[in-house]
Amino acid sequence: MFKENVRNLLESALNERQDLFLIDFEILPDNTIRVVLDGDDGVLVDDCIFISRAIEHNLDRDEHDFALEVTSCGATSPLVMPRQYKKHVGRSLEVRTVDGEKLTGELIDVNDKSVLLKWKTREPKPVGKGKVTVIKEANIAFGDIQEAKVKIKF
C-alpha cells in the first residue's frame, strides 16, 4: 500500500510537469524512497525539489517512517529511454550494440525506432599507399542498443 501510494503521488507530480520523466523508482526495505529523473531540457535542483515536495508533503510520517532521495540521472549515466536521446542530438555518443560492436560518433538524428550516428575514420586508400578520411553513418535500432553513453569532452 505504501509503495502504491508513493507511486501515485509521483505519477501525479510528473503529470503536472510533462517535461520531466521517470528513469528509476524504488523503495528499499528500510523505506528509503529513491527517485531518479530526467527531463527534456535537463533537470534542475528546483525540479527535484518540486517532485520531492509532491511526495513528502502528502505522506504521513506517523504512519510510515521514510527517507526520500530525488535525483537526476548523472551526465555519465547510460541512456535508458528513447526520450533521453533527443536532447543529445549534436553530441558525441558511445554505443555498444547487443552483438558487441562499439561505435562512437555524433548523434545526428533520433526517431521513434532508432538513432543515427555519424563519424570520421581513416581507411586504406582503394589504390596505392596511405589512408583517406571517410565519413561513416550507422542507423541503430533501439532494440539493438545494449548501452549508450554521452561522451563528455573537456
C-alpha atoms as a PDB file:
ATOM      1  CA  MET A   1       0.000   0.000   0.000  1.00  0.00           C
ATOM      2  CA  PHE A   2       2.839   2.415   0.868  1.00  0.00           C
ATOM      3  CA  LYS A   3       4.621   1.832  -2.454  1.00  0.00           C
ATOM      4  CA  GLU A   4       1.385   2.231  -4.393  1.00  0.00           C
ATOM      5  CA  ASN A   5       0.638   5.498  -2.583  1.00  0.00           C
ATOM      6  CA  VAL A   6       4.136   6.854  -3.325  1.00  0.00           C
ATOM      7  CA  ARG A   7       3.875   5.788  -6.980  1.00  0.00           C
ATOM      8  CA  ASN A   8       0.509   7.577  -7.326  1.00  0.00           C
ATOM      9  CA  LEU A   9       1.940  10.772  -5.821  1.00  0.00           C
ATOM     10  CA  LEU A  10       4.944  10.551  -8.126  1.00  0.00           C
ATOM     11  CA  GLU A  11       2.805   9.984 -11.225  1.00  0.00           C
ATOM     12  CA  SER A  12       0.571  12.881 -10.272  1.00  0.00           C
ATOM     13  CA  ALA A  13       3.571  15.217  -9.903  1.00  0.00           C
ATOM     14  CA  LEU A  14       5.026  14.050 -13.235  1.00  0.00           C
ATOM     15  CA  ASN A  15       1.648  14.669 -14.911  1.00  0.00           C
ATOM     16  CA  GLU A  16       1.938  18.292 -13.771  1.00  0.00           C
ATOM     17  CA  ARG A  17       5.436  18.502 -15.233  1.00  0.00           C
ATOM     18  CA  GLN A  18       5.293  16.909 -18.678  1.00  0.00           C
ATOM     19  CA  ASP A  19       8.925  17.961 -19.350  1.00  0.00           C
ATOM     20  CA  LEU A  20      10.159  15.580 -16.625  1.00  0.00           C
ATOM     21  CA  PHE A  21      10.114  11.791 -16.798  1.00  0.00           C
ATOM     22  CA  LEU A  22      10.964   8.881 -14.552  1.00  0.00           C
ATOM     23  CA  ILE A  23      14.146   6.875 -15.073  1.00  0.00           C
ATOM     24  CA  ASP A  24      14.065   4.786 -11.898  1.00  0.00           C
ATOM     25  CA  PHE A  25      11.900   4.399  -8.804  1.00  0.00           C
ATOM     26  CA  GLU A  26      12.367   2.038  -5.895  1.00  0.00           C
ATOM     27  CA  ILE A  27      11.546   1.699  -2.233  1.00  0.00           C
ATOM     28  CA  LEU A  28      14.231  -0.087  -0.250  1.00  0.00           C
ATOM     29  CA  PRO A  29      13.450  -2.393   2.719  1.00  0.00           C
ATOM     30  CA  ASP A  30      14.314   0.454   5.140  1.00  0.00           C
ATOM     31  CA  ASN A  31      11.614   2.653   3.455  1.00  0.00           C
ATOM     32  CA  THR A  32      14.137   4.791   1.592  1.00  0.00           C
ATOM     33  CA  ILE A  33      12.339   6.113  -1.477  1.00  0.00           C
ATOM     34  CA  ARG A  34      14.673   6.629  -4.445  1.00  0.00           C
ATOM     35  CA  VAL A  35      13.518   8.555  -7.495  1.00  0.00           C
ATOM     36  CA  VAL A  36      15.756   9.234 -10.498  1.00  0.00           C
ATOM     37  CA  LEU A  37      14.509  11.788 -13.021  1.00  0.00           C
ATOM     38  CA  ASP A  38      15.451  13.143 -16.391  1.00  0.00           C
ATOM     39  CA  GLY A  39      13.936  15.956 -18.379  1.00  0.00           C
ATOM     40  CA  ASP A  40      13.586  17.041 -21.966  1.00  0.00           C
ATOM     41  CA  ASP A  41      15.662  20.107 -21.087  1.00  0.00           C
ATOM     42  CA  GLY A  42      17.665  18.535 -18.266  1.00  0.00           C
ATOM     43  CA  VAL A  43      16.809  18.542 -14.566  1.00  0.00           C
ATOM     44  CA  LEU A  44      17.357  21.462 -12.214  1.00  0.00           C
ATOM     45  CA  VAL A  45      17.529  21.387  -8.421  1.00  0.00           C
ATOM     46  CA  ASP A  46      14.113  23.103  -8.377  1.00  0.00           C
ATOM     47  CA  ASP A  47      12.686  20.201 -10.409  1.00  0.00           C
ATOM     48  CA  CYS A  48      13.934  17.700  -7.809  1.00  0.00           C
ATOM     49  CA  ILE A  49      12.511  19.872  -5.020  1.00  0.00           C
ATOM     50  CA  PHE A  50       9.125  20.003  -6.790  1.00  0.00           C
ATOM     51  CA  ILE A  51       8.922  16.190  -7.055  1.00  0.00           C
ATOM     52  CA  SER A  52      10.250  15.729  -3.515  1.00  0.00           C
ATOM     53  CA  ARG A  53       7.636  18.062  -2.029  1.00  0.00           C
ATOM     54  CA  ALA A  54       4.836  16.457  -4.044  1.00  0.00           C
ATOM     55  CA  ILE A  55       5.676  13.144  -2.412  1.00  0.00           C
ATOM     56  CA  GLU A  56       6.846  14.153   1.058  1.00  0.00           C
ATOM     57  CA  HIS A  57       4.081  16.650   1.834  1.00  0.00           C
ATOM     58  CA  ASN A  58       1.424  14.066   1.063  1.00  0.00           C
ATOM     59  CA  LEU A  59       2.731  11.183   3.166  1.00  0.00           C
ATOM     60  CA  ASP A  60       2.090  10.723   6.860  1.00  0.00           C
ATOM     61  CA  ARG A  61       5.383  10.249   8.715  1.00  0.00           C
ATOM     62  CA  ASP A  62       3.478   8.918  11.740  1.00  0.00           C
ATOM     63  CA  GLU A  63       2.164   6.097   9.588  1.00  0.00           C
ATOM     64  CA  HIS A  64       5.444   5.363   7.727  1.00  0.00           C
ATOM     65  CA  ASP A  65       8.923   6.498   8.619  1.00  0.00           C
ATOM     66  CA  PHE A  66      10.811   7.057   5.380  1.00  0.00           C
ATOM     67  CA  ALA A  67      13.758   8.771   3.722  1.00  0.00           C
ATOM     68  CA  LEU A  68      13.350  10.378   0.300  1.00  0.00           C
ATOM     69  CA  GLU A  69      16.029  10.822  -2.373  1.00  0.00           C
ATOM     70  CA  VAL A  70      15.107  12.607  -5.612  1.00  0.00           C
ATOM     71  CA  THR A  71      17.983  12.970  -8.080  1.00  0.00           C
ATOM     72  CA  SER A  72      18.659  13.499 -11.753  1.00  0.00           C
ATOM     73  CA  CYS A  73      20.487  10.871 -13.753  1.00  0.00           C
ATOM     74  CA  GLY A  74      24.147  11.772 -13.969  1.00  0.00           C
ATOM     75  CA  ALA A  75      25.978  13.079 -17.018  1.00  0.00           C
ATOM     76  CA  THR A  76      27.819   9.765 -17.324  1.00  0.00           C
ATOM     77  CA  SER A  77      24.761   7.577 -16.728  1.00  0.00           C
ATOM     78  CA  PRO A  78      23.736   5.349 -19.630  1.00  0.00           C
ATOM     79  CA  LEU A  79      20.728   6.471 -21.652  1.00  0.00           C
ATOM     80  CA  VAL A  80      17.894   4.061 -20.918  1.00  0.00           C
ATOM     81  CA  MET A  81      14.868   5.587 -22.652  1.00  0.00           C
ATOM     82  CA  PRO A  82      14.437   6.729 -26.258  1.00  0.00           C
ATOM     83  CA  ARG A  83      13.143  10.073 -24.945  1.00  0.00           C
ATOM     84  CA  GLN A  84      16.576  10.783 -23.412  1.00  0.00           C
ATOM     85  CA  TYR A  85      18.368  10.724 -26.764  1.00  0.00           C
ATOM     86  CA  LYS A  86      16.598  13.751 -28.288  1.00  0.00           C
ATOM     87  CA  LYS A  87      18.299  16.326 -26.063  1.00  0.00           C
ATOM     88  CA  HIS A  88      21.723  14.933 -27.007  1.00  0.00           C
ATOM     89  CA  VAL A  89      21.479  15.438 -30.790  1.00  0.00           C
ATOM     90  CA  GLY A  90      24.747  17.013 -31.915  1.00  0.00           C
ATOM     91  CA  ARG A  91      26.766  15.475 -29.081  1.00  0.00           C
ATOM     92  CA  SER A  92      29.199  12.580 -29.172  1.00  0.00           C
ATOM     93  CA  LEU A  93      27.664   9.242 -28.218  1.00  0.00           C
ATOM     94  CA  GLU A  94      29.285   5.889 -27.476  1.00  0.00           C
ATOM     95  CA  VAL A  95      27.023   2.960 -28.312  1.00  0.00           C
ATOM     96  CA  ARG A  96      27.580  -0.715 -27.567  1.00  0.00           C
ATOM     97  CA  THR A  97      25.243  -2.946 -29.544  1.00  0.00           C
ATOM     98  CA  VAL A  98      23.789  -6.253 -28.408  1.00  0.00           C
ATOM     99  CA  ASP A  99      26.202  -8.074 -30.743  1.00  0.00           C
ATOM    100  CA  GLY A 100      29.198  -6.422 -29.048  1.00  0.00           C
ATOM    101  CA  GLU A 101      30.019  -3.765 -31.652  1.00  0.00           C
ATOM    102  CA  LYS A 102      31.205  -0.448 -30.195  1.00  0.00           C
ATOM    103  CA  LEU A 103      30.529   2.746 -32.150  1.00  0.00           C
ATOM    104  CA  THR A 104      31.377   6.328 -31.232  1.00  0.00           C
ATOM    105  CA  GLY A 105      30.058   9.212 -33.274  1.00  0.00           C
ATOM    106  CA  GLU A 106      27.945  12.330 -33.381  1.00  0.00           C
ATOM    107  CA  LEU A 107      24.258  11.749 -32.705  1.00  0.00           C
ATOM    108  CA  ILE A 108      22.699  13.156 -35.871  1.00  0.00           C
ATOM    109  CA  ASP A 109      19.068  12.138 -35.577  1.00  0.00           C
ATOM    110  CA  VAL A 110      16.613  10.320 -33.310  1.00  0.00           C
ATOM    111  CA  ASN A 111      13.232   8.909 -34.246  1.00  0.00           C
ATOM    112  CA  ASP A 112      10.778   6.562 -32.517  1.00  0.00           C
ATOM    113  CA  LYS A 113      12.693   3.446 -33.565  1.00  0.00           C
ATOM    114  CA  SER A 114      16.386   4.291 -33.945  1.00  0.00           C
ATOM    115  CA  VAL A 115      19.317   6.694 -33.707  1.00  0.00           C
ATOM    116  CA  LEU A 116      21.647   7.867 -36.470  1.00  0.00           C
ATOM    117  CA  LEU A 117      25.355   8.166 -35.666  1.00  0.00           C
ATOM    118  CA  LYS A 118      27.971   9.784 -37.919  1.00  0.00           C
ATOM    119  CA  TRP A 119      31.760   9.685 -37.543  1.00  0.00           C
ATOM    120  CA  LYS A 120      35.015  10.079 -39.439  1.00  0.00           C
ATOM    121  CA  THR A 121      37.521   7.258 -39.768  1.00  0.00           C
ATOM    122  CA  ARG A 122      40.795   6.648 -41.585  1.00  0.00           C
ATOM    123  CA  GLU A 123      40.816   3.782 -44.070  1.00  0.00           C
ATOM    124  CA  PRO A 124      43.389   2.499 -46.545  1.00  0.00           C
ATOM    125  CA  LYS A 125      43.168   4.139 -49.968  1.00  0.00           C
ATOM    126  CA  PRO A 126      41.429   1.975 -52.584  1.00  0.00           C
ATOM    127  CA  VAL A 127      44.513   2.320 -54.785  1.00  0.00           C
ATOM    128  CA  GLY A 128      48.066   2.990 -53.637  1.00  0.00           C
ATOM    129  CA  LYS A 129      49.570   3.526 -50.225  1.00  0.00           C
ATOM    130  CA  GLY A 130      48.296   5.675 -47.395  1.00  0.00           C
ATOM    131  CA  LYS A 131      44.946   6.354 -45.846  1.00  0.00           C
ATOM    132  CA  VAL A 132      41.979   8.505 -46.636  1.00  0.00           C
ATOM    133  CA  THR A 133      39.390  10.045 -44.274  1.00  0.00           C
ATOM    134  CA  VAL A 134      35.931   8.561 -44.777  1.00  0.00           C
ATOM    135  CA  ILE A 135      32.631   9.649 -43.219  1.00  0.00           C
ATOM    136  CA  LYS A 136      30.555   6.732 -41.943  1.00  0.00           C
ATOM    137  CA  GLU A 137      26.981   6.541 -40.688  1.00  0.00           C
ATOM    138  CA  ALA A 138      25.057   3.912 -38.775  1.00  0.00           C
ATOM    139  CA  ASN A 139      21.331   3.745 -38.133  1.00  0.00           C
ATOM    140  CA  ILE A 140      20.916   1.729 -34.917  1.00  0.00           C
ATOM    141  CA  ALA A 141      17.542   0.457 -33.719  1.00  0.00           C
ATOM    142  CA  PHE A 142      16.828   0.989 -30.010  1.00  0.00           C
ATOM    143  CA  GLY A 143      16.352  -2.775 -29.651  1.00  0.00           C
ATOM    144  CA  ASP A 144      19.931  -3.301 -30.854  1.00  0.00           C
ATOM    145  CA  ILE A 145      21.463  -0.920 -28.282  1.00  0.00           C
ATOM    146  CA  GLN A 146      22.855  -2.623 -25.202  1.00  0.00           C
ATOM    147  CA  GLU A 147      24.270   0.586 -23.719  1.00  0.00           C
ATOM    148  CA  ALA A 148      24.642   4.189 -24.856  1.00  0.00           C
ATOM    149  CA  LYS A 149      26.510   6.965 -23.081  1.00  0.00           C
ATOM    150  CA  VAL A 150      27.147  10.583 -23.930  1.00  0.00           C
ATOM    151  CA  LYS A 151      30.872  11.225 -24.306  1.00  0.00           C
ATOM    152  CA  ILE A 152      31.829  14.244 -22.230  1.00  0.00           C
ATOM    153  CA  LYS A 153      34.548  16.416 -23.799  1.00  0.00           C
ATOM    154  CA  PHE A 154      36.685  18.806 -21.781  1.00  0.00           C
END
